[in-house]
Amino acid sequence: MRERSPKPSGGDRGGHEAPRYVHGVNPVLEALRAHPDAVERLFIVDGQVGAKAAGELLSRARDAGVRVEKVGRERLTSMAEGGVHQGVVAELRGFQYVELEDVLDAAKAKGQPALVVVLDGIQDPHNLGAIIRSAHALGAHGVVLAKDRAVQVTGTVAKASAGAVEYCPIARVTNISRALEQLKEAGLWVAAADIEGAEPLWSARLDGPLALVV
């Protein structure tokens, strides 16, 4: 996985928001590996995490100066809102969204044609997480989602993304149509994914400057 290192988003789109909780061994490990400075506290249930994973979790938390609290399983279940937490939850500062320009800059910095996944009204957190995971696997330089009437990045999204939210730049905009116009002005073609399309996504040519709308 490549690291995410753009500027925090400002203005109307917001950068860091309210604290968020990430649950599950892999999502928490990815948060500690990618952004240890964003992790405020680590909550763990004794005996519920495998020895190897627990060792890395505690070692990385110690190195980052993260406070570790041993708690009961019921408390973690509440913090994870009923999700499968595997005995560990991390409290992080609010998710750091980026500006749309940062996504384009990430492609330029790598000398690659931009590949941007634009999400129009995704409301299910599991779907959002799965799309972010797939976008990152496809090599997308970032994901764009709407600020209103769409799910935002939460612990459930992080879990469903298998930790990809910690590496894939995510821009949040107030107007998807305006964002698409901005991408077209930057030289990107715009295409839409269609569940009834004839060509599977994994075999499609995505090597040009492209905004893929889902």
Protein backbone atom coordinates (compact mmCIF):
# COMPACT_ATOMS: atom_id res chain seq x y z
CA MET A 1 0.00 0.00 0.00
CA ARG A 2 1.21 3.48 -0.78
CA GLU A 3 1.02 6.12 1.89
CA ARG A 4 -1.45 8.97 1.84
CA SER A 5 0.27 12.31 2.32
CA PRO A 6 -1.79 15.22 0.97
CA LYS A 7 -2.72 18.41 2.76
CA PRO A 8 -5.73 18.36 5.08
CA SER A 9 -8.89 19.71 3.54
CA GLY A 10 -10.05 23.11 4.66
CA GLY A 11 -12.93 25.48 4.18
CA ASP A 12 -16.43 24.15 3.63
CA ARG A 13 -15.28 20.61 3.07
CA GLY A 14 -13.73 20.27 6.50
CA GLY A 15 -10.54 18.50 7.50
CA HIS A 16 -10.42 16.73 10.87
CA GLU A 17 -13.86 16.20 12.41
CA ALA A 18 -15.13 14.51 15.56
CA PRO A 19 -13.13 11.55 16.89
CA ARG A 20 -13.84 8.24 15.17
CA TYR A 21 -13.48 4.66 16.30
CA VAL A 22 -11.81 2.03 14.14
CA HIS A 23 -12.42 -1.58 15.09
CA GLY A 24 -10.89 -4.89 14.09
CA VAL A 25 -7.28 -6.06 14.15
CA ASN A 26 -6.31 -5.21 10.56
CA PRO A 27 -7.97 -1.75 10.38
CA VAL A 28 -6.43 -0.75 13.72
CA LEU A 29 -3.00 -2.02 12.68
CA GLU A 30 -3.21 -0.10 9.39
CA ALA A 31 -4.13 3.07 11.30
CA LEU A 32 -1.12 2.62 13.59
CA ARG A 33 1.18 1.88 10.66
CA ALA A 34 0.00 4.70 8.41
CA HIS A 35 -0.95 7.50 10.82
CA PRO A 36 0.21 6.72 14.37
CA ASP A 37 0.02 10.41 15.25
CA ALA A 38 -3.75 10.34 14.60
CA VAL A 39 -4.40 7.54 17.11
CA GLU A 40 -5.45 8.87 20.50
CA ARG A 41 -6.22 5.69 22.46
CA LEU A 42 -6.14 1.94 22.00
CA PHE A 43 -8.75 -0.22 23.72
CA ILE A 44 -8.08 -3.93 23.99
CA VAL A 45 -9.70 -6.95 25.64
CA ASP A 46 -7.27 -9.28 27.40
CA GLY A 47 -7.00 -12.65 25.69
CA GLN A 48 -9.17 -11.71 22.71
CA VAL A 49 -6.38 -10.76 20.29
CA GLY A 50 -3.85 -13.27 18.98
CA ALA A 51 -0.38 -13.04 20.49
CA LYS A 52 1.38 -11.89 17.30
CA ALA A 53 -1.20 -9.20 16.47
CA ALA A 54 -1.39 -8.07 20.10
CA GLY A 55 2.38 -7.75 20.21
CA GLU A 56 2.47 -5.48 17.16
CA LEU A 57 -0.51 -3.45 18.34
CA LEU A 58 1.02 -2.79 21.75
CA SER A 59 4.50 -2.17 20.33
CA ARG A 60 3.27 0.37 17.79
CA ALA A 61 1.05 2.04 20.37
CA ARG A 62 3.98 2.33 22.77
CA ASP A 63 6.28 3.76 20.08
CA ALA A 64 3.65 6.34 19.12
CA GLY A 65 2.87 7.29 22.71
CA VAL A 66 -0.70 6.04 22.41
CA ARG A 67 -2.49 5.36 25.67
CA VAL A 68 -3.62 1.73 26.00
CA GLU A 69 -6.70 0.81 28.03
CA LYS A 70 -7.75 -2.74 28.84
CA VAL A 71 -11.53 -2.90 28.85
CA GLY A 72 -14.41 -5.37 28.81
CA ARG A 73 -15.83 -6.85 25.63
CA GLU A 74 -19.19 -5.14 26.17
CA ARG A 75 -17.61 -1.70 26.06
CA LEU A 76 -15.84 -2.48 22.79
CA THR A 77 -19.06 -3.82 21.28
CA SER A 78 -20.73 -0.52 22.14
CA MET A 79 -17.84 1.53 20.71
CA ALA A 80 -17.87 -0.55 17.52
CA GLU A 81 -21.66 -0.10 17.27
CA GLY A 82 -22.16 -3.84 17.17
CA GLY A 83 -19.45 -4.47 14.58
CA VAL A 84 -16.98 -7.37 14.75
CA HIS A 85 -14.16 -5.74 16.73
CA GLN A 86 -11.98 -8.82 17.37
CA GLY A 87 -11.10 -7.47 20.80
CA VAL A 88 -9.54 -4.17 19.75
CA VAL A 89 -10.75 -0.63 19.02
CA ALA A 90 -8.73 2.51 18.35
CA GLU A 91 -9.90 6.07 18.92
CA LEU A 92 -8.61 8.37 16.19
CA ARG A 93 -8.90 12.04 15.48
CA GLY A 94 -11.57 12.80 12.91
CA PHE A 95 -10.85 11.55 9.41
CA GLN A 96 -8.56 13.79 7.36
CA TYR A 97 -10.25 14.52 4.06
CA VAL A 98 -8.23 16.18 1.31
CA GLU A 99 -8.92 18.70 -1.43
CA LEU A 100 -9.76 17.53 -4.95
CA GLU A 101 -6.59 19.25 -6.15
CA ASP A 102 -4.54 17.03 -3.83
CA VAL A 103 -5.82 13.93 -5.61
CA LEU A 104 -4.71 15.33 -8.97
CA ASP A 105 -1.38 16.40 -7.49
CA ALA A 106 -0.80 12.85 -6.21
CA ALA A 107 -1.03 11.56 -9.79
CA LYS A 108 1.28 14.29 -11.10
CA ALA A 109 3.85 13.55 -8.41
CA LYS A 110 4.00 9.96 -9.62
CA GLY A 111 4.11 10.95 -13.29
CA GLN A 112 0.93 8.98 -13.92
CA PRO A 113 -2.36 9.80 -15.66
CA ALA A 114 -4.92 10.48 -12.96
CA LEU A 115 -7.43 7.80 -12.04
CA VAL A 116 -10.12 9.17 -9.74
CA VAL A 117 -13.16 7.27 -8.46
CA VAL A 118 -16.17 9.55 -7.93
CA LEU A 119 -18.98 8.27 -5.72
CA ASP A 120 -22.46 9.62 -6.28
CA GLY A 121 -24.71 9.19 -3.27
CA ILE A 122 -23.30 6.02 -1.68
CA GLN A 123 -25.21 5.61 1.59
CA ASP A 124 -24.22 2.18 2.87
CA PRO A 125 -20.97 2.20 4.89
CA HIS A 126 -20.09 -1.36 3.89
CA ASN A 127 -20.47 -0.46 0.21
CA LEU A 128 -18.34 2.65 0.66
CA GLY A 129 -15.61 0.67 2.39
CA ALA A 130 -15.64 -2.03 -0.29
CA ILE A 131 -15.43 0.58 -3.07
CA ILE A 132 -12.50 2.36 -1.39
CA ARG A 133 -10.74 -0.99 -1.01
CA SER A 134 -11.30 -1.80 -4.70
CA ALA A 135 -10.30 1.69 -5.82
CA HIS A 136 -7.03 1.42 -3.93
CA ALA A 137 -6.39 -2.04 -5.37
CA LEU A 138 -7.02 -0.67 -8.88
CA GLY A 139 -4.37 1.98 -8.31
CA ALA A 140 -6.74 4.95 -8.08
CA HIS A 141 -5.07 8.15 -6.94
CA GLY A 142 -8.07 9.07 -4.84
CA VAL A 143 -11.79 8.85 -4.18
CA VAL A 144 -14.30 11.70 -4.26
CA LEU A 145 -17.51 11.62 -2.25
CA ALA A 146 -20.32 14.05 -1.53
CA LYS A 147 -20.50 15.92 1.74
CA ASP A 148 -24.30 15.70 1.93
CA ARG A 149 -26.75 12.84 1.42
CA ALA A 150 -23.96 10.27 1.42
CA VAL A 151 -22.20 8.19 4.05
CA GLN A 152 -18.92 9.58 5.37
CA VAL A 153 -15.80 7.74 6.55
CA THR A 154 -16.58 5.93 9.80
CA GLY A 155 -15.17 2.98 11.71
CA THR A 156 -17.49 0.66 9.81
CA VAL A 157 -16.21 2.07 6.52
CA ALA A 158 -12.61 1.61 7.67
CA LYS A 159 -13.34 -1.99 8.63
CA ALA A 160 -15.02 -2.75 5.28
CA SER A 161 -12.11 -1.15 3.42
CA ALA A 162 -9.63 -3.48 5.17
CA GLY A 163 -7.64 -0.41 6.19
CA ALA A 164 -7.47 1.14 2.71
CA VAL A 165 -8.96 4.41 4.02
CA GLU A 166 -5.63 5.05 5.74
CA TYR A 167 -3.78 5.05 2.41
CA CYS A 168 -6.23 6.19 -0.28
CA PRO A 169 -6.75 9.98 -0.42
CA ILE A 170 -10.43 10.83 -0.05
CA ALA A 171 -11.78 14.21 -1.09
CA ARG A 172 -15.17 15.42 0.07
CA VAL A 173 -17.04 17.97 -2.02
CA THR A 174 -20.31 19.86 -1.74
CA ASN A 175 -21.28 19.38 -5.39
CA ILE A 176 -20.43 16.25 -7.39
CA SER A 177 -21.39 17.82 -10.73
CA ARG A 178 -19.06 20.74 -10.12
CA ALA A 179 -16.28 18.35 -9.12
CA LEU A 180 -16.73 16.42 -12.37
CA GLU A 181 -16.48 19.67 -14.33
CA GLN A 182 -13.27 20.48 -12.47
CA LEU A 183 -11.87 17.05 -13.33
CA LYS A 184 -12.80 17.49 -16.99
CA GLU A 185 -11.10 20.88 -17.03
CA ALA A 186 -8.00 19.11 -15.69
CA GLY A 187 -8.05 16.83 -18.73
CA LEU A 188 -9.78 13.75 -17.34
CA TRP A 189 -12.31 11.73 -19.27
CA VAL A 190 -15.48 10.87 -17.35
CA ALA A 191 -16.98 7.38 -17.47
CA ALA A 192 -19.68 5.71 -15.41
CA ALA A 193 -19.70 2.22 -13.96
CA ASP A 194 -22.85 0.27 -14.85
CA ILE A 195 -23.89 -2.96 -13.17
CA GLU A 196 -25.28 -4.10 -16.54
CA GLY A 197 -22.20 -3.05 -18.49
CA ALA A 198 -20.69 -5.53 -20.93
CA GLU A 199 -17.07 -5.18 -19.77
CA PRO A 200 -15.96 -6.18 -16.25
CA LEU A 201 -14.16 -3.45 -14.32
CA TRP A 202 -11.03 -5.54 -13.78
CA SER A 203 -10.55 -6.04 -17.53
CA ALA A 204 -11.41 -2.46 -18.57
CA ARG A 205 -8.68 -0.11 -19.77
CA LEU A 206 -8.18 2.47 -17.04
CA ASP A 207 -4.82 3.80 -18.17
CA GLY A 208 -5.86 7.26 -19.34
CA PRO A 209 -6.69 10.35 -17.27
CA LEU A 210 -10.07 9.11 -16.05
CA ALA A 211 -12.80 9.93 -13.55
CA LEU A 212 -14.85 6.80 -12.93
CA VAL A 213 -18.30 7.56 -11.53
CA VAL A 214 -19.89 4.89 -9.36
